[in-house]
Protein backbone atom coordinates (compact mmCIF):
# COMPACT_ATOMS: atom_id res chain seq x y z
CA UNK A 1 -83.88 -61.96 30.35
CA UNK A 2 -83.80 -65.75 30.58
CA UNK A 3 -85.77 -68.07 28.31
CA UNK A 4 -85.72 -71.82 27.75
CA UNK A 5 -82.28 -71.60 26.11
CA UNK A 6 -80.84 -70.34 29.40
CA UNK A 7 -82.75 -73.05 31.26
CA UNK A 8 -81.13 -75.70 29.06
CA UNK A 9 -77.69 -74.50 30.17
CA UNK A 10 -78.58 -74.01 33.82
CA UNK A 11 -80.54 -77.15 34.75
CA UNK A 12 -78.17 -80.08 34.37
CA UNK A 13 -79.95 -82.43 36.78
CA UNK A 14 -81.28 -85.70 35.39
CA UNK A 15 -85.02 -86.35 35.21
CA UNK A 16 -84.52 -88.90 38.00
CA UNK A 17 -83.16 -86.17 40.27
CA UNK A 18 -85.60 -83.49 39.15
CA UNK A 19 -88.83 -84.63 37.48
CA UNK A 20 -90.36 -82.95 34.43
CA UNK A 21 -91.62 -79.39 34.95
CA UNK A 22 -93.54 -76.96 32.76
CA UNK A 23 -90.40 -75.51 31.13
CA UNK A 24 -89.28 -79.04 30.21
CA UNK A 25 -92.72 -79.54 28.71
CA UNK A 26 -92.31 -76.47 26.48
CA UNK A 27 -88.88 -77.70 25.33
CA UNK A 28 -90.23 -81.15 24.41
CA UNK A 29 -93.28 -79.56 22.79
CA UNK A 30 -91.09 -77.24 20.70
CA UNK A 31 -88.86 -80.11 19.62
CA UNK A 32 -91.84 -81.51 17.71
CA UNK A 33 -91.47 -78.68 15.16
CA UNK A 34 -88.16 -80.18 14.00
CA UNK A 35 -87.67 -83.13 11.68
CA UNK A 36 -86.36 -86.41 13.06
CA UNK A 37 -85.31 -89.88 11.87
CA UNK A 38 -87.88 -92.66 11.93
CA UNK A 39 -85.71 -94.92 14.09
CA UNK A 40 -85.23 -94.74 17.86
CA UNK A 41 -82.48 -92.20 18.50
CA UNK A 42 -80.96 -90.39 21.45
CA UNK A 43 -81.08 -86.61 21.33
CA UNK A 44 -77.29 -86.41 21.64
CA UNK A 45 -76.93 -88.32 18.36
CA UNK A 46 -78.92 -85.83 16.29
CA UNK A 47 -77.28 -83.68 13.63
CA UNK A 48 -77.92 -79.99 14.28
CA UNK A 49 -77.92 -79.11 10.60
CA UNK A 50 -80.25 -81.92 9.55
CA UNK A 51 -82.69 -81.34 12.40
CA UNK A 52 -82.90 -77.54 12.30
CA UNK A 53 -82.95 -75.03 9.43
CA UNK A 54 -83.17 -71.60 11.08
CA UNK A 55 -80.37 -70.02 13.12
CA UNK A 56 -82.64 -69.88 16.17
CA UNK A 57 -83.54 -73.56 15.95
CA UNK A 58 -79.92 -74.59 15.37
CA UNK A 59 -78.93 -72.87 18.60
CA UNK A 60 -81.86 -74.54 20.35
CA UNK A 61 -80.94 -78.06 19.23
CA UNK A 62 -77.25 -77.43 20.01
CA UNK A 63 -78.14 -76.71 23.61
CA UNK A 64 -80.52 -79.67 23.81
CA UNK A 65 -77.93 -82.21 22.62
CA UNK A 66 -75.24 -80.69 24.87
CA UNK A 67 -77.46 -80.76 27.96
CA UNK A 68 -76.75 -83.44 30.58
CA UNK A 69 -80.47 -83.39 31.35
CA UNK A 70 -81.59 -83.95 27.77
CA UNK A 71 -78.90 -85.61 25.73
CA UNK A 72 -79.74 -89.21 26.71
CA UNK A 73 -83.49 -88.89 26.14
CA UNK A 74 -84.60 -91.33 23.44
CA UNK A 75 -87.04 -90.24 20.76
CA UNK A 76 -89.18 -92.65 18.78
CA UNK A 77 -92.34 -93.06 16.66
CA UNK A 78 -91.89 -89.83 14.75
CA UNK A 79 -94.75 -89.27 12.30
CA UNK A 80 -95.55 -86.47 9.89
CA UNK A 81 -98.65 -86.43 7.73
CA UNK A 82 -100.11 -83.55 5.72
CA UNK A 83 -103.11 -84.44 3.59
CA UNK A 84 -104.53 -81.61 1.46
CA UNK A 85 -107.56 -83.67 0.43
CA UNK A 86 -108.95 -84.08 3.96
CA UNK A 87 -107.32 -80.84 5.23
CA UNK A 88 -105.08 -82.50 7.81
CA UNK A 89 -101.69 -81.37 9.11
CA UNK A 90 -100.34 -83.65 11.82
CA UNK A 91 -97.00 -84.52 13.35
CA UNK A 92 -96.02 -86.18 16.63
CA UNK A 93 -93.06 -87.67 18.41
CA UNK A 94 -92.54 -89.60 21.66
CA UNK A 95 -89.71 -88.95 24.13
CA UNK A 96 -88.68 -91.70 26.55
CA UNK A 97 -87.50 -90.04 29.76
CA UNK A 98 -84.86 -91.57 32.07
CA UNK A 99 -87.31 -91.73 35.01
CA UNK A 100 -89.36 -94.37 33.15
CA UNK A 101 -92.06 -91.93 32.03
CA UNK A 102 -92.62 -90.62 28.50
CA UNK A 103 -93.72 -87.39 26.88
CA UNK A 104 -95.94 -87.49 23.79
CA UNK A 105 -95.44 -84.28 21.84
CA UNK A 106 -97.70 -82.85 19.14
CA UNK A 107 -96.53 -80.30 16.58
CA UNK A 108 -98.37 -77.01 16.25
CA UNK A 109 -99.48 -75.44 12.99
CA UNK A 110 -96.90 -75.08 10.24
CA UNK A 111 -97.13 -72.35 7.60
CA UNK A 112 -99.03 -74.45 5.02
CA UNK A 113 -102.50 -73.38 3.93
CA UNK A 114 -103.66 -76.91 4.78
CA UNK A 115 -102.46 -76.54 8.36
CA UNK A 116 -104.13 -73.16 8.83
CA UNK A 117 -107.34 -74.32 7.14
CA UNK A 118 -107.59 -77.17 9.63
CA UNK A 119 -107.12 -74.68 12.49
CA UNK A 120 -109.94 -72.51 11.15
CA UNK A 121 -112.12 -75.61 10.74
CA UNK A 122 -112.04 -75.98 14.54
CA UNK A 123 -114.54 -73.10 14.66
CA UNK A 124 -117.27 -75.40 13.32
CA UNK A 125 -115.93 -78.97 13.32
CA UNK A 126 -115.13 -81.38 16.16
CA UNK A 127 -113.08 -83.42 15.79
CA UNK A 128 -110.89 -82.20 12.94
CA UNK A 129 -108.67 -84.87 11.32
CA UNK A 130 -105.55 -83.97 13.34
CA UNK A 131 -107.49 -84.37 16.60
CA UNK A 132 -108.60 -87.87 15.55
CA UNK A 133 -105.03 -88.68 14.56
CA UNK A 134 -103.71 -87.42 17.92
CA UNK A 135 -106.03 -89.73 19.84
CA UNK A 136 -105.08 -92.69 17.63
CA UNK A 137 -101.40 -91.90 18.13
CA UNK A 138 -101.65 -91.82 21.94
CA UNK A 139 -103.63 -95.07 22.00
CA UNK A 140 -101.07 -96.77 19.76
CA UNK A 141 -98.00 -95.58 21.66
CA UNK A 142 -99.39 -96.35 25.11
CA UNK A 143 -100.19 -99.92 24.05
CA UNK A 144 -96.61 -100.41 22.83
CA UNK A 145 -94.95 -98.70 25.81
CA UNK A 146 -96.60 -99.37 29.20
CA UNK A 147 -95.29 -96.25 30.99
CA UNK A 148 -97.02 -93.38 32.71
CA UNK A 149 -96.97 -90.41 30.38
CA UNK A 150 -97.32 -86.71 29.75
CA UNK A 151 -99.00 -85.24 26.66
CA UNK A 152 -98.25 -81.76 25.39
CA UNK A 153 -97.83 -79.33 22.56
CA UNK A 154 -97.48 -75.69 21.58
CA UNK A 155 -100.23 -73.83 19.67
CA UNK A 156 -102.43 -76.36 17.81
CA UNK A 157 -100.26 -79.07 19.38
CA UNK A 158 -101.62 -78.05 22.79
CA UNK A 159 -105.18 -78.36 21.51
CA UNK A 160 -104.40 -81.85 20.14
CA UNK A 161 -102.88 -82.86 23.49
CA UNK A 162 -106.03 -81.80 25.38
CA UNK A 163 -108.36 -83.48 22.87
CA UNK A 164 -106.42 -86.76 22.94
CA UNK A 165 -106.09 -86.75 26.73
CA UNK A 166 -109.80 -86.16 27.22
CA UNK A 167 -110.85 -89.05 24.99
CA UNK A 168 -108.75 -91.89 26.40
CA UNK A 169 -110.40 -94.84 28.09
CA UNK A 170 -110.40 -94.99 31.90
CA UNK A 171 -107.37 -97.27 32.17
CA UNK A 172 -105.22 -95.06 29.96
CA UNK A 173 -106.47 -91.93 31.73
CA UNK A 174 -105.04 -93.28 34.98
CA UNK A 175 -101.59 -93.35 33.38
CA UNK A 176 -101.74 -89.70 32.33
CA UNK A 177 -99.53 -87.62 34.62
CA UNK A 178 -100.32 -84.23 33.11
CA UNK A 179 -101.54 -82.63 29.88
CA UNK A 180 -99.79 -79.43 28.78
CA UNK A 181 -101.21 -76.82 26.42
CA UNK A 182 -98.71 -74.07 25.63
CA UNK A 183 -100.85 -71.25 24.20
CA UNK A 184 -103.08 -73.78 22.47
CA UNK A 185 -106.52 -72.72 21.19
CA UNK A 186 -109.67 -73.84 22.97
CA UNK A 187 -112.69 -75.79 21.74
CA UNK A 188 -116.31 -75.46 20.77
CA UNK A 189 -118.35 -74.82 23.91
CA UNK A 190 -120.12 -78.20 23.85
CA UNK A 191 -116.81 -80.09 24.16
CA UNK A 192 -116.18 -78.53 27.58
CA UNK A 193 -119.39 -80.00 29.00
CA UNK A 194 -118.60 -83.62 28.07
CA UNK A 195 -117.95 -86.12 30.86
CA UNK A 196 -114.63 -87.03 29.21
CA UNK A 197 -113.38 -83.47 29.50
CA UNK A 198 -114.73 -82.96 33.01
CA UNK A 199 -113.10 -86.16 34.27
CA UNK A 200 -109.58 -85.14 33.32
CA UNK A 201 -109.54 -81.33 33.28
CA UNK A 202 -107.70 -81.18 36.62
CA UNK A 203 -104.70 -82.74 34.88
CA UNK A 204 -104.61 -80.02 32.20
CA UNK A 205 -102.07 -77.24 32.63
CA UNK A 206 -102.38 -74.39 30.18
CA UNK A 207 -100.18 -71.31 29.87
CA UNK A 208 -100.77 -68.24 27.72
CA UNK A 209 -98.70 -65.05 27.31
CA UNK A 210 -100.31 -61.79 28.42
CA UNK A 211 -101.20 -60.78 24.85
CA UNK A 212 -102.37 -64.24 23.83
CA UNK A 213 -104.62 -64.45 20.78
CA UNK A 214 -104.10 -68.05 19.60
CA UNK A 215 -104.43 -69.55 23.08
CA UNK A 216 -107.63 -67.65 23.84
CA UNK A 217 -109.49 -68.61 20.66
CA UNK A 218 -112.79 -70.43 21.15
CA UNK A 219 -113.53 -71.64 24.70
CA UNK A 220 -111.24 -72.66 27.54
CA UNK A 221 -112.69 -74.03 30.77
CA UNK A 222 -109.58 -75.17 32.62
CA UNK A 223 -107.56 -72.83 34.80
CA UNK A 224 -104.72 -71.22 32.85
CA UNK A 225 -101.62 -69.29 33.90
CA UNK A 226 -100.63 -66.01 32.29
CA UNK A 227 -96.91 -65.72 31.62
CA UNK A 228 -94.51 -62.91 30.74
CA UNK A 229 -93.03 -62.52 27.26
CA UNK A 230 -90.22 -60.33 25.95
CA UNK A 231 -92.29 -59.63 22.80
CA UNK A 232 -95.53 -57.76 22.18
CA UNK A 233 -98.83 -58.70 20.51
CA UNK A 234 -99.02 -61.76 18.27
CA UNK A 235 -95.21 -62.18 18.53
CA UNK A 236 -95.74 -63.34 22.12
CA UNK A 237 -96.85 -66.68 20.67
CA UNK A 238 -93.14 -67.43 20.03
CA UNK A 239 -91.85 -69.74 22.84
CA UNK A 240 -88.39 -68.15 22.61
CA UNK A 241 -89.95 -64.99 24.05
CA UNK A 242 -91.37 -66.67 27.18
CA UNK A 243 -89.43 -65.59 30.26
CA UNK A 244 -88.17 -68.23 32.67
CA UNK A 245 -87.13 -68.07 36.31
CA UNK A 246 -85.66 -71.23 37.84
CA UNK A 247 -87.96 -74.12 36.77
CA UNK A 248 -91.00 -72.04 35.88
CA UNK A 249 -92.21 -69.18 33.71
CA UNK A 250 -92.60 -65.70 35.14
CA UNK A 251 -96.27 -65.55 36.10
CA UNK A 252 -98.48 -62.46 35.66
CA UNK A 253 -101.87 -61.67 37.21
CA UNK A 254 -103.87 -60.56 34.16
CA UNK A 255 -104.09 -60.51 30.39
CA UNK A 256 -103.38 -57.13 28.80
CA UNK A 257 -106.42 -54.84 28.29
CA UNK A 258 -105.99 -54.92 24.51
CA UNK A 259 -105.94 -58.71 24.58
CA UNK A 260 -109.16 -58.92 26.60
CA UNK A 261 -110.79 -56.70 23.97
CA UNK A 262 -109.41 -58.59 20.96
CA UNK A 263 -110.36 -61.99 22.35
CA UNK A 264 -113.89 -60.87 23.27
CA UNK A 265 -114.34 -59.42 19.77
CA UNK A 266 -113.18 -62.63 18.08
CA UNK A 267 -115.13 -65.02 20.29
CA UNK A 268 -118.33 -62.94 20.26
CA UNK A 269 -118.01 -62.69 16.49
CA UNK A 270 -117.64 -66.47 16.13
CA UNK A 271 -120.60 -67.04 18.48
CA UNK A 272 -122.80 -64.72 16.42
CA UNK A 273 -122.51 -67.03 13.39
CA UNK A 274 -124.04 -70.45 13.00
CA UNK A 275 -121.68 -73.37 12.39
CA UNK A 276 -122.82 -73.46 8.76
CA UNK A 277 -122.09 -69.75 8.32
CA UNK A 278 -118.61 -70.22 9.81
CA UNK A 279 -117.98 -73.13 7.47
CA UNK A 280 -119.06 -71.21 4.36
CA UNK A 281 -116.98 -68.16 5.32
CA UNK A 282 -113.85 -70.22 6.05
CA UNK A 283 -114.20 -72.28 2.85
CA UNK A 284 -114.64 -69.07 0.83
CA UNK A 285 -111.65 -67.40 2.50
CA UNK A 286 -109.34 -70.31 1.70
CA UNK A 287 -110.70 -70.63 -1.83
CA UNK A 288 -109.54 -67.04 -2.33
CA UNK A 289 -106.13 -67.73 -0.75
CA UNK A 290 -105.62 -70.85 -2.90
CA UNK A 291 -106.21 -68.74 -6.01
CA UNK A 292 -102.66 -67.43 -5.53
CA UNK A 293 -101.34 -70.93 -6.39
CA UNK A 294 -99.07 -70.62 -3.36
CA UNK A 295 -99.03 -73.23 -0.61
CA UNK A 296 -97.92 -71.35 2.52
CA UNK A 297 -98.97 -68.19 4.33
CA UNK A 298 -95.33 -67.04 4.26
CA UNK A 299 -95.34 -67.16 0.45
CA UNK A 300 -98.66 -65.32 0.25
CA UNK A 301 -97.42 -62.63 2.63
CA UNK A 302 -94.22 -62.06 0.63
CA UNK A 303 -96.05 -62.04 -2.73
CA UNK A 304 -99.30 -60.37 -1.71
CA UNK A 305 -99.05 -57.35 -4.02
CA UNK A 306 -98.10 -59.54 -7.00
CA UNK A 307 -100.95 -61.95 -6.28
CA UNK A 308 -103.57 -59.28 -5.50
CA UNK A 309 -105.17 -59.52 -9.00
CA UNK A 310 -105.65 -63.28 -8.49
CA UNK A 311 -107.28 -62.63 -5.11
CA UNK A 312 -109.67 -59.98 -6.46
CA UNK A 313 -110.68 -62.21 -9.37
CA UNK A 314 -111.28 -65.12 -6.98
CA UNK A 315 -113.54 -62.94 -4.80
CA UNK A 316 -115.45 -61.79 -7.90
CA UNK A 317 -115.97 -65.41 -8.99
CA UNK A 318 -117.52 -66.49 -5.67
CA UNK A 319 -121.19 -67.32 -6.06
CA UNK A 320 -123.86 -65.06 -4.61
CA UNK A 321 -124.44 -67.25 -1.55
CA UNK A 322 -120.77 -67.17 -0.52
CA UNK A 323 -120.54 -63.42 -1.18
CA UNK A 324 -123.59 -62.92 1.02
CA UNK A 325 -122.04 -64.89 3.88
CA UNK A 326 -118.73 -63.05 3.56
CA UNK A 327 -120.57 -59.72 3.79
CA UNK A 328 -122.58 -60.95 6.78
CA UNK A 329 -119.39 -62.15 8.48
CA UNK A 330 -117.65 -58.80 7.98
CA UNK A 331 -120.70 -57.01 9.41
CA UNK A 332 -120.73 -59.34 12.43
CA UNK A 333 -117.04 -58.64 13.06
CA UNK A 334 -117.55 -54.86 12.86
CA UNK A 335 -120.54 -55.09 15.21
CA UNK A 336 -118.53 -57.10 17.73
CA UNK A 337 -115.68 -54.54 17.56
CA UNK A 338 -118.10 -51.69 18.34
CA UNK A 339 -119.98 -53.59 21.05
CA UNK A 340 -116.78 -54.34 22.97
CA UNK A 341 -115.16 -50.90 22.66
CA UNK A 342 -115.91 -50.20 26.33
CA UNK A 343 -113.29 -52.80 27.30
CA UNK A 344 -110.58 -50.46 26.02
CA UNK A 345 -111.76 -47.50 28.12
CA UNK A 346 -109.95 -47.44 31.48
CA UNK A 347 -112.18 -47.25 34.54
CA UNK A 348 -112.21 -43.83 36.16
């Protein structure tokens, strides 16, 4: 089954011969997860071992720098900024394409607690710091480089792309070719009614795998395409699992039944809480996680049993107000699960 690695080998046409498509967008969005030099560099001049750490990413970058289509793309204005104090995790890079357009790419969430806390904050806060930073970045780059441009990202990067694209002034909006959200979460409902969003939503292209959880969080108003993955469940969020045919993903008609249920449970649950209740619950949850003195979710997952005493003590130390909201939140989640059970029962 073909994915974007196979596409990198197969499509050797230049961007002048064959303009950017949605698979190209995913490739440029995924590149933002890697680490790059601060100077303008062509992709073909990158070191595989400096740019990528995992075996999967090394193979990915090998194919990118060997590709006739990609190797001469210039990258510039790489930024990376994680700030624990204001709960911001942000990274972006700009790719200058040979057809005199550019692609502004935003990184999704990394494994740091700060990155995940900022994602959770989206349930009650708009904008979060990374969204502000994304808009500032696009405004800065488009002033320096007067090209038409695409904006995109995977996961949180897709959310940042939509937020930035929707908040540009009219002149910059005219230069936007398309905004890509690859399984990026949605927004608070009120954002979707703004004139800024309404004026540019036709340029937004969003794709989600059939078992999408991340991409269906909160509210999405734009049309989205459902695509086929070689994985199941939450693992479908991995772009390496997205199946490609020619210059597109394999498109499906519907989300899986289990996904419809899960997403309705989560979104109904969030809606049942006030913004203040969401904030208190999320702050309490991350206070407990930080009690492990670990900085990433990967570390917490690997050391969960060892750190369980720290977690239980941290829960015990929460004040009565926070304990009350945690209990209320758990009850709201259980109620939403029960209310939406009918979605799992097939129609006779």
